[in-house]
Amino acid sequence: MATARAHDQVGALLREWRTRRRMTQLELALDAGISARHLSFVETGRSKPGRDMLLRVAEQLQVPFRERNQLLLAAGHAPAFPERSLDSPELAPVREALNLILSGHEPYPAIVVDRHWNLIAANAAVAVLTDGVDIDPALLAPPINVLRLGVHPRGLGSLLVNPGEWHAYFRDRIERQAAVTADQELAAVIREVATYIGPGDGAPVGEAIGPLRMRAPDGGELSFYGMFATFETPFEVTTSELAIELLFPADAATAQALKHLSGAGSSSPPRTRASEPGRARGRTAARRRPAG
């Protein structure tokens, strides 16, 4: 009886992922190199899927590594992808890569987030950019959620010059991410963030948005465009869930302002160092005065 329940569980999970990806049993079976009949038996709990078959199907469905492990466990197999702490010795090359990107991107802002958009690390430019902002201390309590901090009126939402179009952009983007990952924690964050955004807060449908515009600490205005990066060949769960958000100046005035704010043009520039992944950089989190 317990085995039958396990078969039902993994079958229901597979069917949920296939439905989420809007694929028929025949389409998925052809792509995974199995018979549609066998896939049907697995989804209905009449057959136990083998480990290799599950991994092939999960690959075709683009199931995240964490959820692939759950599929394997539901079928009675060992997980295929290790999950390590970012502070572990095995992930030292990952930490080195992240630090290289963060420090190398200065004096422009850059952050590292996990799959729930919790802040993992930030470079010195983020601290400079947010210096002097009166942020609600509750928003800076670990883990700092970049989505919450970025749109909350008592967070960085007050810095946005064009909040409407960017609220809509990030809302749509994160909703797509939640739909792809089926992550309930991320969905809960989206629902919370939606309470800080007005129902009509957004750019007209189909209209291109301009650069992200923010108020600078000196009272001026900064203009950015962004780049979102992930690891191309992740080899374990934690690495597969990391993402890097890089902000670039959208005009020469912003580039010059960031260099000035960072002290790049002074005779004694401040010492900067990329934060150690696994915790938000103390300098960034401690000030009342990371970017969403």
Protein backbone atom coordinates (compact mmCIF):
# COMPACT_ATOMS: atom_id res chain seq x y z
CA MET A 1 0.00 0.00 0.00
CA ALA A 2 2.86 2.41 0.85
CA THR A 3 4.47 1.66 -2.52
CA ALA A 4 1.23 2.40 -4.34
CA ARG A 5 0.92 5.73 -2.53
CA ALA A 6 4.52 6.58 -3.54
CA HIS A 7 3.71 5.77 -7.16
CA ASP A 8 0.64 8.00 -6.97
CA GLN A 9 2.71 10.84 -5.51
CA VAL A 10 5.43 10.84 -8.14
CA GLY A 11 2.81 10.40 -10.87
CA ALA A 12 0.86 13.41 -9.63
CA LEU A 13 4.04 15.49 -9.47
CA LEU A 14 5.00 14.55 -13.02
CA ARG A 15 1.52 15.32 -14.29
CA GLU A 16 1.59 18.70 -12.53
CA TRP A 17 4.91 19.64 -14.13
CA ARG A 18 3.79 18.44 -17.57
CA THR A 19 0.58 20.46 -17.29
CA ARG A 20 2.53 23.49 -16.12
CA ARG A 21 4.72 23.23 -19.23
CA ARG A 22 1.61 22.75 -21.41
CA MET A 23 2.84 19.51 -22.94
CA THR A 24 0.81 16.46 -23.88
CA GLN A 25 1.87 12.99 -22.77
CA LEU A 26 2.79 12.18 -26.36
CA GLU A 27 4.94 15.29 -26.76
CA LEU A 28 6.79 14.66 -23.52
CA ALA A 29 7.25 10.96 -24.24
CA LEU A 30 8.73 11.66 -27.68
CA ASP A 31 11.10 14.29 -26.31
CA ALA A 32 12.22 12.04 -23.43
CA GLY A 33 12.59 8.93 -25.61
CA ILE A 34 10.01 6.82 -23.78
CA SER A 35 6.62 5.42 -24.72
CA ALA A 36 3.50 7.47 -24.11
CA ARG A 37 1.92 4.34 -22.62
CA HIS A 38 4.68 4.03 -20.01
CA LEU A 39 4.40 7.74 -19.15
CA SER A 40 0.66 7.36 -18.76
CA PHE A 41 1.13 4.40 -16.41
CA VAL A 42 3.60 6.40 -14.33
CA GLU A 43 1.29 9.41 -14.05
CA THR A 44 -1.64 7.23 -12.96
CA GLY A 45 0.46 5.32 -10.40
CA ARG A 46 0.27 1.99 -12.26
CA SER A 47 4.02 1.87 -12.87
CA LYS A 48 7.11 2.90 -10.92
CA PRO A 49 9.45 5.14 -12.92
CA GLY A 50 13.11 4.25 -13.10
CA ARG A 51 15.75 6.76 -12.03
CA ASP A 52 17.07 7.38 -15.55
CA MET A 53 13.58 7.76 -16.96
CA LEU A 54 12.67 10.32 -14.31
CA LEU A 55 15.82 12.34 -14.94
CA ARG A 56 15.20 12.38 -18.71
CA VAL A 57 11.61 13.51 -18.24
CA ALA A 58 12.58 16.15 -15.67
CA GLU A 59 15.23 17.49 -18.05
CA GLN A 60 12.68 17.86 -20.85
CA LEU A 61 10.28 19.60 -18.45
CA GLN A 62 13.08 21.91 -17.24
CA VAL A 63 12.28 21.06 -13.63
CA PRO A 64 14.60 22.94 -11.22
CA PHE A 65 17.28 20.83 -9.52
CA ARG A 66 15.63 21.05 -6.09
CA GLU A 67 12.34 19.76 -7.47
CA ARG A 68 14.11 17.04 -9.48
CA ASN A 69 15.46 15.69 -6.21
CA GLN A 70 11.91 15.73 -4.82
CA LEU A 71 10.68 13.74 -7.82
CA LEU A 72 13.41 11.14 -7.29
CA LEU A 73 12.69 10.87 -3.57
CA ALA A 74 8.96 10.47 -4.25
CA ALA A 75 9.80 7.53 -6.51
CA GLY A 76 12.08 5.94 -3.92
CA HIS A 77 15.37 6.96 -5.55
CA ALA A 78 18.32 8.84 -4.11
CA PRO A 79 18.64 12.55 -5.01
CA ALA A 80 20.80 13.26 -8.07
CA PHE A 81 21.95 16.78 -7.20
CA PRO A 82 23.83 17.65 -4.01
CA GLU A 83 22.84 20.72 -2.02
CA ARG A 84 25.68 22.46 -0.22
CA SER A 85 26.03 25.58 1.86
CA LEU A 86 27.56 28.45 -0.08
CA ASP A 87 30.19 28.62 2.67
CA SER A 88 31.27 25.00 2.08
CA PRO A 89 34.79 24.27 0.73
CA GLU A 90 33.29 22.59 -2.34
CA LEU A 91 31.74 25.86 -3.47
CA ALA A 92 34.90 27.96 -3.06
CA PRO A 93 35.17 28.35 -6.88
CA VAL A 94 31.60 29.68 -6.94
CA ARG A 95 32.35 32.20 -4.20
CA GLU A 96 35.49 33.27 -6.04
CA ALA A 97 33.54 33.78 -9.26
CA LEU A 98 30.85 35.82 -7.52
CA ASN A 99 33.40 38.01 -5.73
CA LEU A 100 35.24 38.57 -9.00
CA ILE A 101 32.05 39.73 -10.72
CA LEU A 102 30.88 41.93 -7.84
CA SER A 103 34.20 43.69 -7.28
CA GLY A 104 34.97 43.92 -10.98
CA HIS A 105 31.63 45.63 -11.65
CA GLU A 106 32.36 48.52 -9.29
CA PRO A 107 31.71 51.45 -9.28
CA TYR A 108 28.41 50.18 -10.70
CA PRO A 109 25.92 48.35 -8.42
CA ALA A 110 25.65 44.56 -8.41
CA ILE A 111 23.91 42.04 -6.15
CA VAL A 112 23.58 38.27 -5.83
CA VAL A 113 20.19 36.77 -4.88
CA ASP A 114 18.76 33.30 -4.33
CA ARG A 115 15.62 31.88 -5.92
CA HIS A 116 13.40 33.81 -3.49
CA TRP A 117 15.25 37.07 -4.20
CA ASN A 118 16.86 37.08 -0.79
CA LEU A 119 20.10 39.07 -0.80
CA ILE A 120 23.20 36.87 -0.73
CA ALA A 121 25.86 39.46 -1.50
CA ALA A 122 26.32 43.01 -2.78
CA ASN A 123 29.25 45.11 -3.87
CA ALA A 124 30.36 48.42 -2.36
CA ALA A 125 28.51 50.45 -5.00
CA VAL A 126 25.16 49.33 -3.57
CA ALA A 127 26.06 50.73 -0.17
CA VAL A 128 27.18 54.00 -1.76
CA LEU A 129 23.99 54.23 -3.81
CA THR A 130 21.73 53.78 -0.79
CA ASP A 131 23.76 55.86 1.65
CA GLY A 132 21.50 58.26 3.54
CA VAL A 133 18.23 56.52 2.64
CA ASP A 134 15.87 56.22 5.63
CA ILE A 135 14.99 52.52 5.39
CA ASP A 136 12.66 50.76 7.82
CA PRO A 137 14.96 48.55 9.97
CA ALA A 138 12.48 45.67 9.60
CA LEU A 139 13.27 45.55 5.87
CA LEU A 140 16.95 45.05 6.66
CA ALA A 141 16.43 42.11 9.02
CA PRO A 142 18.01 38.96 7.53
CA PRO A 143 17.21 37.57 5.12
CA ILE A 144 16.91 40.85 3.21
CA ASN A 145 14.44 40.33 0.40
CA VAL A 146 15.35 42.48 -2.59
CA LEU A 147 11.82 42.50 -4.01
CA ARG A 148 10.32 43.67 -0.73
CA LEU A 149 13.06 46.23 -0.12
CA GLY A 150 12.98 47.50 -3.69
CA VAL A 151 9.30 48.47 -3.87
CA HIS A 152 8.34 49.10 -0.25
CA PRO A 153 7.52 52.80 0.33
CA ARG A 154 9.72 52.72 3.44
CA GLY A 155 12.46 50.92 1.54
CA LEU A 156 13.99 51.84 -1.81
CA GLY A 157 10.63 52.48 -3.43
CA SER A 158 11.00 56.12 -2.47
CA LEU A 159 14.10 56.40 -4.69
CA LEU A 160 12.35 55.40 -7.93
CA VAL A 161 11.66 58.30 -10.27
CA ASN A 162 9.55 56.16 -12.64
CA PRO A 163 8.05 53.58 -10.23
CA GLY A 164 4.92 52.68 -12.20
CA GLU A 165 6.49 51.10 -15.24
CA TRP A 166 9.18 49.34 -13.26
CA HIS A 167 6.75 47.99 -10.69
CA ALA A 168 4.80 46.44 -13.54
CA TYR A 169 7.95 45.09 -15.18
CA PHE A 170 9.27 43.38 -12.07
CA ARG A 171 5.83 42.08 -11.11
CA ASP A 172 5.41 40.40 -14.50
CA ARG A 173 8.96 39.10 -14.49
CA ILE A 174 8.74 37.52 -11.02
CA GLU A 175 5.30 36.09 -11.74
CA ARG A 176 6.79 34.32 -14.76
CA GLN A 177 9.58 32.99 -12.57
CA ALA A 178 7.08 31.68 -10.03
CA ALA A 179 5.08 30.02 -12.80
CA VAL A 180 8.19 28.26 -14.10
CA THR A 181 9.49 27.11 -10.71
CA ALA A 182 6.15 26.45 -8.94
CA ASP A 183 7.82 27.94 -5.85
CA GLN A 184 5.20 28.68 -3.21
CA GLU A 185 7.52 30.82 -1.08
CA LEU A 186 8.26 33.05 -4.05
CA ALA A 187 4.54 33.22 -4.83
CA ALA A 188 3.93 34.41 -1.25
CA VAL A 189 6.54 37.16 -1.66
CA ILE A 190 4.83 38.26 -4.89
CA ARG A 191 1.48 38.50 -3.13
CA GLU A 192 3.02 40.58 -0.36
CA VAL A 193 4.85 42.90 -2.76
CA ALA A 194 1.62 43.41 -4.72
CA THR A 195 0.15 45.13 -1.66
CA TYR A 196 2.75 47.87 -2.00
CA ILE A 197 1.91 48.47 -5.67
CA GLY A 198 -1.22 50.22 -6.87
CA PRO A 199 -3.60 48.22 -9.13
CA GLY A 200 -3.01 50.60 -12.03
CA ASP A 201 0.69 51.00 -11.35
CA GLY A 202 2.32 50.14 -14.63
CA ALA A 203 3.25 51.12 -18.15
CA PRO A 204 0.65 50.85 -20.93
CA VAL A 205 0.37 47.33 -22.33
CA GLY A 206 2.83 46.71 -25.14
CA GLU A 207 4.75 49.94 -24.53
CA ALA A 208 8.51 49.71 -24.06
CA ILE A 209 9.82 51.01 -20.76
CA GLY A 210 12.82 53.28 -20.42
CA PRO A 211 15.83 53.00 -18.13
CA LEU A 212 15.43 52.56 -14.40
CA ARG A 213 15.68 56.05 -12.92
CA MET A 214 16.65 56.60 -9.29
CA ARG A 215 17.30 59.59 -7.06
CA ALA A 216 20.97 59.89 -6.17
CA PRO A 217 22.27 60.53 -2.64
CA ASP A 218 23.37 64.01 -3.71
CA GLY A 219 19.86 64.88 -4.95
CA GLY A 220 20.55 64.24 -8.61
CA GLU A 221 19.13 61.49 -10.80
CA LEU A 222 20.73 58.24 -11.92
CA SER A 223 19.65 56.19 -14.93
CA PHE A 224 20.34 52.45 -15.30
CA TYR A 225 19.78 49.45 -17.49
CA GLY A 226 20.24 45.98 -16.05
CA MET A 227 21.65 42.56 -16.81
CA PHE A 228 20.45 39.34 -15.16
CA ALA A 229 22.96 36.46 -15.08
CA THR A 230 22.90 32.85 -13.86
CA PHE A 231 25.39 29.99 -13.93
CA GLU A 232 25.31 28.28 -17.32
CA THR A 233 26.34 24.84 -16.01
CA PRO A 234 25.33 24.54 -12.34
CA PHE A 235 26.37 21.28 -10.71
CA GLU A 236 24.34 21.37 -7.52
CA VAL A 237 21.18 22.89 -6.06
CA THR A 238 22.53 26.03 -4.38
CA THR A 239 24.52 27.16 -7.41
CA SER A 240 21.58 26.54 -9.73
CA GLU A 241 19.43 28.94 -7.67
CA LEU A 242 21.83 31.89 -7.62
CA ALA A 243 21.40 34.92 -9.87
CA ILE A 244 23.39 38.11 -10.35
CA GLU A 245 21.75 41.46 -11.06
CA LEU A 246 24.13 43.99 -12.63
CA LEU A 247 23.21 47.64 -13.12
CA PHE A 248 24.96 49.66 -15.83
CA PRO A 249 24.79 53.43 -16.33
CA ALA A 250 22.37 54.35 -19.12
CA ASP A 251 24.09 57.67 -19.79
CA ALA A 252 27.44 59.39 -19.34
CA ALA A 253 26.16 61.57 -16.49
CA THR A 254 25.23 58.50 -14.42
CA ALA A 255 28.59 56.86 -15.08
CA GLN A 256 30.41 59.98 -13.95
CA ALA A 257 28.18 60.37 -10.89
CA LEU A 258 28.81 56.78 -9.78
CA LYS A 259 32.57 57.23 -10.12
CA HIS A 260 32.34 60.41 -8.06
CA LEU A 261 30.13 58.79 -5.39
CA SER A 262 32.47 55.81 -5.08
CA GLY A 263 35.47 58.08 -4.64
CA ALA A 264 37.10 56.71 -7.79
CA GLY A 265 38.35 60.14 -8.74
CA SER A 266 39.73 61.12 -5.33
CA SER A 267 43.35 60.84 -4.22
CA SER A 268 42.33 58.46 -1.41
CA PRO A 269 39.58 56.22 -2.74
CA PRO A 270 37.70 54.16 -0.15
CA ARG A 271 38.65 50.52 0.14
CA THR A 272 36.03 48.32 -1.49
CA ARG A 273 35.61 44.58 -1.47
CA ALA A 274 32.91 42.29 -2.74
CA SER A 275 30.87 40.75 0.03
CA GLU A 276 31.41 37.17 1.03
CA PRO A 277 28.58 35.11 -0.48
CA GLY A 278 26.33 33.43 2.03
CA ARG A 279 25.52 36.62 3.92
CA ALA A 280 24.51 40.12 2.98
CA ARG A 281 27.43 42.48 3.09
CA GLY A 282 27.53 44.10 6.52
CA ARG A 283 28.24 47.54 5.12
CA THR A 284 25.16 47.38 2.94
CA ALA A 285 22.80 45.92 5.50
CA ALA A 286 23.89 47.97 8.47
CA ARG A 287 23.21 51.39 6.98
CA ARG A 288 19.78 52.95 7.23
CA ARG A 289 20.68 55.59 5.02
CA PRO A 290 20.55 46.43 -1.78
CA ALA A 291 18.63 47.41 -5.23
CA GLY A 292 15.22 46.14 -6.33
